PDB file of all heavy atoms in Angstrom:
ATOM      1  N   VAL A   1      10.862   5.085 -11.117  1.00  0.00           N
ATOM      2  CA  VAL A   1      10.328   4.687  -9.810  1.00  0.00           C
ATOM      3  C   VAL A   1      10.592   5.799  -8.804  1.00  0.00           C
ATOM      4  O   VAL A   1      11.720   6.289  -8.677  1.00  0.00           O
ATOM      5  CB  VAL A   1      10.994   3.372  -9.332  1.00  0.00           C
ATOM      6  CG1 VAL A   1      10.588   3.059  -7.892  1.00  0.00           C
ATOM      7  CG2 VAL A   1      10.611   2.221 -10.253  1.00  0.00           C
ATOM      8  N   CYS A   2       9.562   6.203  -8.091  1.00  0.00           N
ATOM      9  CA  CYS A   2       9.741   7.278  -7.101  1.00  0.00           C
ATOM     10  C   CYS A   2       9.068   6.942  -5.778  1.00  0.00           C
ATOM     11  O   CYS A   2       8.692   7.845  -5.026  1.00  0.00           O
ATOM     12  CB  CYS A   2       9.248   8.617  -7.651  1.00  0.00           C
ATOM     13  SG  CYS A   2       7.622   8.620  -8.373  1.00  0.00           S
ATOM     14  N   GLY A   3       8.931   5.639  -5.490  1.00  0.00           N
ATOM     15  CA  GLY A   3       8.395   5.241  -4.209  1.00  0.00           C
ATOM     16  C   GLY A   3       7.394   4.113  -4.329  1.00  0.00           C
ATOM     17  O   GLY A   3       7.260   3.480  -5.385  1.00  0.00           O
ATOM     18  N   VAL A   4       6.673   3.876  -3.228  1.00  0.00           N
ATOM     19  CA  VAL A   4       5.643   2.837  -3.206  1.00  0.00           C
ATOM     20  C   VAL A   4       4.427   3.380  -2.477  1.00  0.00           C
ATOM     21  O   VAL A   4       4.509   4.362  -1.729  1.00  0.00           O
ATOM     22  CB  VAL A   4       6.129   1.551  -2.499  1.00  0.00           C
ATOM     23  CG1 VAL A   4       7.261   0.891  -3.271  1.00  0.00           C
ATOM     24  CG2 VAL A   4       6.545   1.825  -1.051  1.00  0.00           C
ATOM     25  N   VAL A   5       3.300   2.716  -2.694  1.00  0.00           N
ATOM     26  CA  VAL A   5       2.093   3.042  -1.947  1.00  0.00           C
ATOM     27  C   VAL A   5       1.727   1.815  -1.116  1.00  0.00           C
ATOM     28  O   VAL A   5       1.780   0.683  -1.593  1.00  0.00           O
ATOM     29  CB  VAL A   5       0.929   3.459  -2.870  1.00  0.00           C
ATOM     30  CG1 VAL A   5       0.596   2.375  -3.878  1.00  0.00           C
ATOM     31  CG2 VAL A   5      -0.296   3.844  -2.066  1.00  0.00           C
ATOM     32  N   THR A   6       1.421   2.029   0.156  1.00  0.00           N
ATOM     33  CA  THR A   6       1.030   0.914   1.013  1.00  0.00           C
ATOM     34  C   THR A   6      -0.419   0.544   0.737  1.00  0.00           C
ATOM     35  O   THR A   6      -1.204   1.344   0.219  1.00  0.00           O
ATOM     36  CB  THR A   6       1.216   1.253   2.499  1.00  0.00           C
ATOM     37  OG1 THR A   6       0.330   2.330   2.854  1.00  0.00           O
ATOM     38  CG2 THR A   6       2.654   1.656   2.781  1.00  0.00           C
ATOM     39  N   GLY A   7      -0.771  -0.686   1.082  1.00  0.00           N
ATOM     40  CA  GLY A   7      -2.115  -1.167   0.793  1.00  0.00           C
ATOM     41  C   GLY A   7      -3.176  -0.505   1.645  1.00  0.00           C
ATOM     42  O   GLY A   7      -2.942  -0.144   2.805  1.00  0.00           O
ATOM     43  N   ASP A   8      -4.347  -0.352   1.065  1.00  0.00           N
ATOM     44  CA  ASP A   8      -5.487   0.161   1.819  1.00  0.00           C
ATOM     45  C   ASP A   8      -5.859  -0.839   2.914  1.00  0.00           C
ATOM     46  O   ASP A   8      -5.774  -2.051   2.731  1.00  0.00           O
ATOM     47  CB  ASP A   8      -6.694   0.363   0.897  1.00  0.00           C
ATOM     48  CG  ASP A   8      -6.452   1.443  -0.150  1.00  0.00           C
ATOM     49  OD1 ASP A   8      -5.471   2.194  -0.009  1.00  0.00           O
ATOM     50  OD2 ASP A   8      -7.244   1.506  -1.118  1.00  0.00           O
ATOM     51  N   MET A   9      -6.302  -0.339   4.043  1.00  0.00           N
ATOM     52  CA  MET A   9      -6.764  -1.174   5.150  1.00  0.00           C
ATOM     53  C   MET A   9      -8.282  -1.017   5.261  1.00  0.00           C
ATOM     54  O   MET A   9      -8.826   0.061   4.994  1.00  0.00           O
ATOM     55  CB  MET A   9      -6.102  -0.754   6.460  1.00  0.00           C
ATOM     56  CG  MET A   9      -4.579  -0.684   6.409  1.00  0.00           C
ATOM     57  SD  MET A   9      -3.777  -2.270   6.471  1.00  0.00           S
ATOM     58  CE  MET A   9      -3.779  -2.567   8.239  1.00  0.00           C
ATOM     59  N   GLY A  10      -8.958  -2.093   5.665  1.00  0.00           N
ATOM     60  CA  GLY A  10     -10.398  -2.009   5.877  1.00  0.00           C
ATOM     61  C   GLY A  10     -11.208  -2.069   4.605  1.00  0.00           C
ATOM     62  O   GLY A  10     -12.194  -1.342   4.458  1.00  0.00           O
ATOM     63  N   VAL A  11     -10.796  -2.941   3.660  1.00  0.00           N
ATOM     64  CA  VAL A  11     -11.550  -3.162   2.435  1.00  0.00           C
ATOM     65  C   VAL A  11     -12.176  -4.546   2.508  1.00  0.00           C
ATOM     66  O   VAL A  11     -11.522  -5.524   2.875  1.00  0.00           O
ATOM     67  CB  VAL A  11     -10.637  -3.055   1.190  1.00  0.00           C
ATOM     68  CG1 VAL A  11     -11.427  -3.334  -0.083  1.00  0.00           C
ATOM     69  CG2 VAL A  11      -9.997  -1.681   1.129  1.00  0.00           C
ATOM     70  N   SER A  12     -13.453  -4.670   2.159  1.00  0.00           N
ATOM     71  CA  SER A  12     -14.158  -5.942   2.265  1.00  0.00           C
ATOM     72  C   SER A  12     -13.801  -6.869   1.114  1.00  0.00           C
ATOM     73  O   SER A  12     -13.133  -6.479   0.149  1.00  0.00           O
ATOM     74  CB  SER A  12     -15.666  -5.701   2.266  1.00  0.00           C
ATOM     75  OG  SER A  12     -16.095  -5.331   0.949  1.00  0.00           O
ATOM     76  N   LYS A  13     -14.259  -8.115   1.222  1.00  0.00           N
ATOM     77  CA  LYS A  13     -14.037  -9.091   0.153  1.00  0.00           C
ATOM     78  C   LYS A  13     -14.587  -8.596  -1.176  1.00  0.00           C
ATOM     79  O   LYS A  13     -14.070  -8.932  -2.248  1.00  0.00           O
ATOM     80  CB  LYS A  13     -14.697 -10.428   0.506  1.00  0.00           C
ATOM     81  CG  LYS A  13     -13.883 -11.305   1.430  1.00  0.00           C
ATOM     82  CD  LYS A  13     -14.540 -12.665   1.585  1.00  0.00           C
ATOM     83  CE  LYS A  13     -13.681 -13.580   2.457  1.00  0.00           C
ATOM     84  NZ  LYS A  13     -14.311 -14.917   2.621  1.00  0.00           N
ATOM     85  N   LYS A  14     -15.650  -7.822  -1.129  1.00  0.00           N
ATOM     86  CA  LYS A  14     -16.272  -7.310  -2.349  1.00  0.00           C
ATOM     87  C   LYS A  14     -15.550  -6.091  -2.905  1.00  0.00           C
ATOM     88  O   LYS A  14     -15.942  -5.545  -3.937  1.00  0.00           O
ATOM     89  CB  LYS A  14     -17.738  -6.962  -2.076  1.00  0.00           C
ATOM     90  CG  LYS A  14     -18.585  -8.157  -1.684  1.00  0.00           C
ATOM     91  CD  LYS A  14     -20.019  -7.735  -1.412  1.00  0.00           C
ATOM     92  CE  LYS A  14     -20.890  -8.931  -1.022  1.00  0.00           C
ATOM     93  NZ  LYS A  14     -22.294  -8.524  -0.740  1.00  0.00           N
ATOM     94  N   GLY A  15     -14.479  -5.658  -2.196  1.00  0.00           N
ATOM     95  CA  GLY A  15     -13.745  -4.487  -2.656  1.00  0.00           C
ATOM     96  C   GLY A  15     -14.331  -3.176  -2.209  1.00  0.00           C
ATOM     97  O   GLY A  15     -13.947  -2.106  -2.698  1.00  0.00           O
ATOM     98  N   GLU A  16     -15.251  -3.238  -1.253  1.00  0.00           N
ATOM     99  CA  GLU A  16     -15.908  -2.024  -0.766  1.00  0.00           C
ATOM    100  C   GLU A  16     -15.298  -1.583   0.561  1.00  0.00           C
ATOM    101  O   GLU A  16     -14.907  -2.418   1.379  1.00  0.00           O
ATOM    102  CB  GLU A  16     -17.406  -2.293  -0.574  1.00  0.00           C
ATOM    103  CG  GLU A  16     -18.105  -2.703  -1.862  1.00  0.00           C
ATOM    104  CD  GLU A  16     -19.521  -3.203  -1.595  1.00  0.00           C
ATOM    105  OE1 GLU A  16     -19.842  -3.453  -0.401  1.00  0.00           O
ATOM    106  OE2 GLU A  16     -20.270  -3.363  -2.566  1.00  0.00           O
ATOM    107  N   PRO A  17     -15.212  -0.278   0.803  1.00  0.00           N
ATOM    108  CA  PRO A  17     -14.651   0.198   2.080  1.00  0.00           C
ATOM    109  C   PRO A  17     -15.568  -0.138   3.250  1.00  0.00           C
ATOM    110  O   PRO A  17     -16.784   0.021   3.174  1.00  0.00           O
ATOM    111  CB  PRO A  17     -14.541   1.714   1.869  1.00  0.00           C
ATOM    112  CG  PRO A  17     -15.490   2.035   0.763  1.00  0.00           C
ATOM    113  CD  PRO A  17     -15.557   0.820  -0.109  1.00  0.00           C
ATOM    114  N   LYS A  18     -14.953  -0.636   4.332  1.00  0.00           N
ATOM    115  CA  LYS A  18     -15.698  -0.908   5.558  1.00  0.00           C
ATOM    116  C   LYS A  18     -15.602   0.315   6.470  1.00  0.00           C
ATOM    117  O   LYS A  18     -14.936   1.304   6.139  1.00  0.00           O
ATOM    118  CB  LYS A  18     -15.111  -2.151   6.241  1.00  0.00           C
ATOM    119  CG  LYS A  18     -15.195  -3.418   5.400  1.00  0.00           C
ATOM    120  CD  LYS A  18     -14.701  -4.645   6.148  1.00  0.00           C
ATOM    121  CE  LYS A  18     -13.217  -4.653   6.368  1.00  0.00           C
ATOM    122  NZ  LYS A  18     -12.709  -5.939   6.912  1.00  0.00           N
ATOM    123  N   ASP A  19     -16.235   0.230   7.645  1.00  0.00           N
ATOM    124  CA  ASP A  19     -16.176   1.349   8.586  1.00  0.00           C
ATOM    125  C   ASP A  19     -14.744   1.635   9.013  1.00  0.00           C
ATOM    126  O   ASP A  19     -14.407   2.767   9.377  1.00  0.00           O
ATOM    127  CB  ASP A  19     -17.036   1.040   9.819  1.00  0.00           C
ATOM    128  CG  ASP A  19     -18.527   0.993   9.496  1.00  0.00           C
ATOM    129  OD1 ASP A  19     -18.905   1.538   8.434  1.00  0.00           O
ATOM    130  OD2 ASP A  19     -19.297   0.419  10.289  1.00  0.00           O
ATOM    131  N   SER A  20     -13.903   0.603   8.980  1.00  0.00           N
ATOM    132  CA  SER A  20     -12.513   0.743   9.414  1.00  0.00           C
ATOM    133  C   SER A  20     -11.578   1.177   8.280  1.00  0.00           C
ATOM    134  O   SER A  20     -10.353   1.178   8.459  1.00  0.00           O
ATOM    135  CB  SER A  20     -12.019  -0.595   9.982  1.00  0.00           C
ATOM    136  OG  SER A  20     -12.122  -1.625   8.997  1.00  0.00           O
ATOM    137  N   TYR A  21     -12.142   1.549   7.147  1.00  0.00           N
ATOM    138  CA  TYR A  21     -11.313   1.833   5.962  1.00  0.00           C
ATOM    139  C   TYR A  21     -10.299   2.947   6.224  1.00  0.00           C
ATOM    140  O   TYR A  21     -10.623   4.006   6.764  1.00  0.00           O
ATOM    141  CB  TYR A  21     -12.199   2.238   4.783  1.00  0.00           C
ATOM    142  CG  TYR A  21     -11.404   2.669   3.566  1.00  0.00           C
ATOM    143  CD1 TYR A  21     -10.720   1.735   2.794  1.00  0.00           C
ATOM    144  CD2 TYR A  21     -11.313   4.014   3.216  1.00  0.00           C
ATOM    145  CE1 TYR A  21      -9.980   2.128   1.687  1.00  0.00           C
ATOM    146  CE2 TYR A  21     -10.582   4.411   2.106  1.00  0.00           C
ATOM    147  CZ  TYR A  21      -9.917   3.465   1.355  1.00  0.00           C
ATOM    148  OH  TYR A  21      -9.178   3.854   0.264  1.00  0.00           O
ATOM    149  N   THR A  22      -9.051   2.658   5.836  1.00  0.00           N
ATOM    150  CA  THR A  22      -7.979   3.648   5.886  1.00  0.00           C
ATOM    151  C   THR A  22      -7.179   3.544   4.587  1.00  0.00           C
ATOM    152  O   THR A  22      -6.655   2.466   4.289  1.00  0.00           O
ATOM    153  CB  THR A  22      -7.029   3.405   7.075  1.00  0.00           C
ATOM    154  OG1 THR A  22      -7.784   3.359   8.287  1.00  0.00           O
ATOM    155  CG2 THR A  22      -5.985   4.501   7.162  1.00  0.00           C
ATOM    156  N   PRO A  23      -7.096   4.603   3.825  1.00  0.00           N
ATOM    157  CA  PRO A  23      -6.347   4.500   2.564  1.00  0.00           C
ATOM    158  C   PRO A  23      -4.856   4.331   2.810  1.00  0.00           C
ATOM    159  O   PRO A  23      -4.324   4.773   3.842  1.00  0.00           O
ATOM    160  CB  PRO A  23      -6.641   5.829   1.867  1.00  0.00           C
ATOM    161  CG  PRO A  23      -7.002   6.772   2.963  1.00  0.00           C
ATOM    162  CD  PRO A  23      -7.666   5.941   4.022  1.00  0.00           C
ATOM    163  N   GLY A  24      -4.187   3.674   1.883  1.00  0.00           N
ATOM    164  CA  GLY A  24      -2.744   3.509   1.969  1.00  0.00           C
ATOM    165  C   GLY A  24      -2.032   4.840   1.843  1.00  0.00           C
ATOM    166  O   GLY A  24      -2.600   5.856   1.442  1.00  0.00           O
ATOM    167  N   VAL A  25      -0.758   4.814   2.191  1.00  0.00           N
ATOM    168  CA  VAL A  25       0.065   6.030   2.207  1.00  0.00           C
ATOM    169  C   VAL A  25       1.086   5.966   1.075  1.00  0.00           C
ATOM    170  O   VAL A  25       1.655   4.910   0.789  1.00  0.00           O
ATOM    171  CB  VAL A  25       0.802   6.151   3.561  1.00  0.00           C
ATOM    172  CG1 VAL A  25       1.712   7.375   3.585  1.00  0.00           C
ATOM    173  CG2 VAL A  25      -0.203   6.197   4.706  1.00  0.00           C
ATOM    174  N   GLU A  26       1.294   7.091   0.422  1.00  0.00           N
ATOM    175  CA  GLU A  26       2.351   7.182  -0.582  1.00  0.00           C
ATOM    176  C   GLU A  26       3.674   7.470   0.125  1.00  0.00           C
ATOM    177  O   GLU A  26       3.818   8.482   0.813  1.00  0.00           O
ATOM    178  CB  GLU A  26       2.052   8.290  -1.595  1.00  0.00           C
ATOM    179  CG  GLU A  26       0.896   7.966  -2.527  1.00  0.00           C
ATOM    180  CD  GLU A  26       0.770   8.991  -3.655  1.00  0.00           C
ATOM    181  OE1 GLU A  26       1.693   9.826  -3.821  1.00  0.00           O
ATOM    182  OE2 GLU A  26      -0.240   8.951  -4.373  1.00  0.00           O
ATOM    183  N   LEU A  27       4.611   6.558  -0.039  1.00  0.00           N
ATOM    184  CA  LEU A  27       5.957   6.736   0.512  1.00  0.00           C
ATOM    185  C   LEU A  27       6.867   7.068  -0.662  1.00  0.00           C
ATOM    186  O   LEU A  27       7.247   6.191  -1.443  1.00  0.00           O
ATOM    187  CB  LEU A  27       6.420   5.463   1.218  1.00  0.00           C
ATOM    188  CG  LEU A  27       5.519   4.957   2.353  1.00  0.00           C
ATOM    189  CD1 LEU A  27       6.007   3.609   2.861  1.00  0.00           C
ATOM    190  CD2 LEU A  27       5.456   5.976   3.490  1.00  0.00           C
ATOM    191  N   ARG A  28       7.196   8.331  -0.799  1.00  0.00           N
ATOM    192  CA  ARG A  28       7.979   8.785  -1.950  1.00  0.00           C
ATOM    193  C   ARG A  28       9.446   8.950  -1.568  1.00  0.00           C
ATOM    194  O   ARG A  28       9.772   9.303  -0.434  1.00  0.00           O
ATOM    195  CB  ARG A  28       7.409  10.095  -2.499  1.00  0.00           C
ATOM    196  CG  ARG A  28       6.033   9.913  -3.135  1.00  0.00           C
ATOM    197  CD  ARG A  28       5.482  11.182  -3.756  1.00  0.00           C
ATOM    198  NE  ARG A  28       4.274  10.914  -4.525  1.00  0.00           N
ATOM    199  CZ  ARG A  28       4.257  10.647  -5.831  1.00  0.00           C
ATOM    200  NH1 ARG A  28       5.406  10.621  -6.505  1.00  0.00           N
ATOM    201  NH2 ARG A  28       3.118  10.417  -6.455  1.00  0.00           N
ATOM    202  N   ALA A  29      10.315   8.680  -2.545  1.00  0.00           N
ATOM    203  CA  ALA A  29      11.745   8.706  -2.234  1.00  0.00           C
ATOM    204  C   ALA A  29      12.564   9.032  -3.472  1.00  0.00           C
ATOM    205  O   ALA A  29      12.115   8.861  -4.605  1.00  0.00           O
ATOM    206  CB  ALA A  29      12.177   7.350  -1.688  1.00  0.00           C
ATOM    207  N   LYS A  30      13.771   9.500  -3.215  1.00  0.00           N
ATOM    208  CA  LYS A  30      14.719   9.701  -4.316  1.00  0.00           C
ATOM    209  C   LYS A  30      15.158   8.360  -4.877  1.00  0.00           C
ATOM    210  O   LYS A  30      15.348   8.215  -6.089  1.00  0.00           O
ATOM    211  CB  LYS A  30      15.930  10.504  -3.805  1.00  0.00           C
ATOM    212  CG  LYS A  30      15.575  11.915  -3.348  1.00  0.00           C
ATOM    213  CD  LYS A  30      16.761  12.604  -2.686  1.00  0.00           C
ATOM    214  CE  LYS A  30      16.371  13.992  -2.191  1.00  0.00           C
ATOM    215  NZ  LYS A  30      17.486  14.650  -1.438  1.00  0.00           N
ATOM    216  N   TYR A  31      15.311   7.378  -3.960  1.00  0.00           N
ATOM    217  CA  TYR A  31      15.650   6.023  -4.390  1.00  0.00           C
ATOM    218  C   TYR A  31      14.854   5.014  -3.559  1.00  0.00           C
ATOM    219  O   TYR A  31      14.654   5.210  -2.355  1.00  0.00           O
ATOM    220  CB  TYR A  31      17.154   5.746  -4.256  1.00  0.00           C
ATOM    221  CG  TYR A  31      17.950   6.456  -5.331  1.00  0.00           C
ATOM    222  CD1 TYR A  31      18.660   7.624  -5.046  1.00  0.00           C
ATOM    223  CD2 TYR A  31      17.919   5.993  -6.641  1.00  0.00           C
ATOM    224  CE1 TYR A  31      19.337   8.294  -6.037  1.00  0.00           C
ATOM    225  CE2 TYR A  31      18.596   6.672  -7.650  1.00  0.00           C
ATOM    226  CZ  TYR A  31      19.310   7.807  -7.342  1.00  0.00           C
ATOM    227  OH  TYR A  31      19.962   8.480  -8.340  1.00  0.00           O
ATOM    228  N   THR A  32      14.398   3.957  -4.222  1.00  0.00           N
ATOM    229  CA  THR A  32      13.630   2.907  -3.573  1.00  0.00           C
ATOM    230  C   THR A  32      14.374   1.587  -3.726  1.00  0.00           C
ATOM    231  O   THR A  32      14.742   1.202  -4.847  1.00  0.00           O
ATOM    232  CB  THR A  32      12.220   2.777  -4.196  1.00  0.00           C
ATOM    233  OG1 THR A  32      11.584   4.060  -4.192  1.00  0.00           O
ATOM    234  CG2 THR A  32      11.372   1.796  -3.401  1.00  0.00           C
ATOM    235  N   VAL A  33      14.600   0.920  -2.609  1.00  0.00           N
ATOM    236  CA  VAL A  33      15.316  -0.354  -2.597  1.00  0.00           C
ATOM    237  C   VAL A  33      14.307  -1.467  -2.321  1.00  0.00           C
ATOM    238  O   VAL A  33      13.577  -1.419  -1.330  1.00  0.00           O
ATOM    239  CB  VAL A  33      16.414  -0.364  -1.509  1.00  0.00           C
ATOM    240  CG1 VAL A  33      17.143  -1.709  -1.506  1.00  0.00           C
ATOM    241  CG2 VAL A  33      17.395   0.779  -1.733  1.00  0.00           C
ATOM    242  N   PHE A  34      14.274  -2.457  -3.199  1.00  0.00           N
ATOM    243  CA  PHE A  34      13.319  -3.549  -3.069  1.00  0.00           C
ATOM    244  C   PHE A  34      14.027  -4.761  -2.461  1.00  0.00           C
ATOM    245  O   PHE A  34      14.957  -5.313  -3.044  1.00  0.00           O
ATOM    246  CB  PHE A  34      12.687  -3.874  -4.418  1.00  0.00           C
ATOM    247  CG  PHE A  34      11.804  -2.758  -4.907  1.00  0.00           C
ATOM    248  CD1 PHE A  34      12.336  -1.690  -5.625  1.00  0.00           C
ATOM    249  CD2 PHE A  34      10.448  -2.745  -4.601  1.00  0.00           C
ATOM    250  CE1 PHE A  34      11.533  -0.638  -6.053  1.00  0.00           C
ATOM    251  CE2 PHE A  34       9.640  -1.694  -5.022  1.00  0.00           C
ATOM    252  CZ  PHE A  34      10.183  -0.635  -5.750  1.00  0.00           C
ATOM    253  N   ALA A  35      13.562  -5.145  -1.271  1.00  0.00           N
ATOM    254  CA  ALA A  35      14.179  -6.225  -0.494  1.00  0.00           C
ATOM    255  C   ALA A  35      13.087  -7.133   0.066  1.00  0.00           C
ATOM    256  O   ALA A  35      13.063  -7.458   1.244  1.00  0.00           O
ATOM    257  CB  ALA A  35      15.026  -5.641   0.640  1.00  0.00           C
ATOM    258  N   GLU A  36      12.174  -7.560  -0.808  1.00  0.00           N
ATOM    259  CA  GLU A  36      11.005  -8.321  -0.377  1.00  0.00           C
ATOM    260  C   GLU A  36      11.309  -9.791  -0.095  1.00  0.00           C
ATOM    261  O   GLU A  36      10.464 -10.506   0.426  1.00  0.00           O
ATOM    262  CB  GLU A  36       9.920  -8.278  -1.459  1.00  0.00           C
ATOM    263  CG  GLU A  36       9.432  -6.905  -1.831  1.00  0.00           C
ATOM    264  CD  GLU A  36       8.504  -6.973  -3.026  1.00  0.00           C
ATOM    265  OE1 GLU A  36       8.991  -7.151  -4.173  1.00  0.00           O
ATOM    266  OE2 GLU A  36       7.284  -6.872  -2.825  1.00  0.00           O
ATOM    267  N   GLY A  37      12.471 -10.271  -0.497  1.00  0.00           N
ATOM    268  CA  GLY A  37      12.766 -11.689  -0.377  1.00  0.00           C
ATOM    269  C   GLY A  37      12.406 -12.427  -1.651  1.00  0.00           C
ATOM    270  O   GLY A  37      12.038 -11.832  -2.665  1.00  0.00           O
ATOM    271  N   CYS A  38      12.502 -13.749  -1.595  1.00  0.00           N
ATOM    272  CA  CYS A  38      12.295 -14.594  -2.770  1.00  0.00           C
ATOM    273  C   CYS A  38      10.904 -14.382  -3.376  1.00  0.00           C
ATOM    274  O   CYS A  38       9.901 -14.413  -2.678  1.00  0.00           O
ATOM    275  CB  CYS A  38      12.481 -16.056  -2.369  1.00  0.00           C
ATOM    276  SG  CYS A  38      12.200 -17.233  -3.674  1.00  0.00           S
ATOM    277  N   ARG A  39      10.878 -14.175  -4.680  1.00  0.00           N
ATOM    278  CA  ARG A  39       9.650 -14.006  -5.471  1.00  0.00           C
ATOM    279  C   ARG A  39       8.792 -12.855  -4.939  1.00  0.00           C
ATOM    280  O   ARG A  39       7.577 -12.933  -4.799  1.00  0.00           O
ATOM    281  CB  ARG A  39       8.851 -15.307  -5.474  1.00  0.00           C
ATOM    282  CG  ARG A  39       7.736 -15.415  -6.513  1.00  0.00           C
ATOM    283  CD  ARG A  39       8.227 -15.602  -7.917  1.00  0.00           C
ATOM    284  NE  ARG A  39       7.145 -15.959  -8.825  1.00  0.00           N
ATOM    285  CZ  ARG A  39       7.300 -16.418 -10.058  1.00  0.00           C
ATOM    286  NH1 ARG A  39       8.524 -16.591 -10.542  1.00  0.00           N
ATOM    287  NH2 ARG A  39       6.274 -16.715 -10.812  1.00  0.00           N
TER     288      ARG A  39
END
């Protein structure tokens, strides 16, 4: 594990990019701590 990628923004229900589409960002790290809460 070397990080996470954030979700794309501006994607339609059909999975197609809208005018507001912004790709997610790769957040890379030496260590990644997962603290999402239950499940």
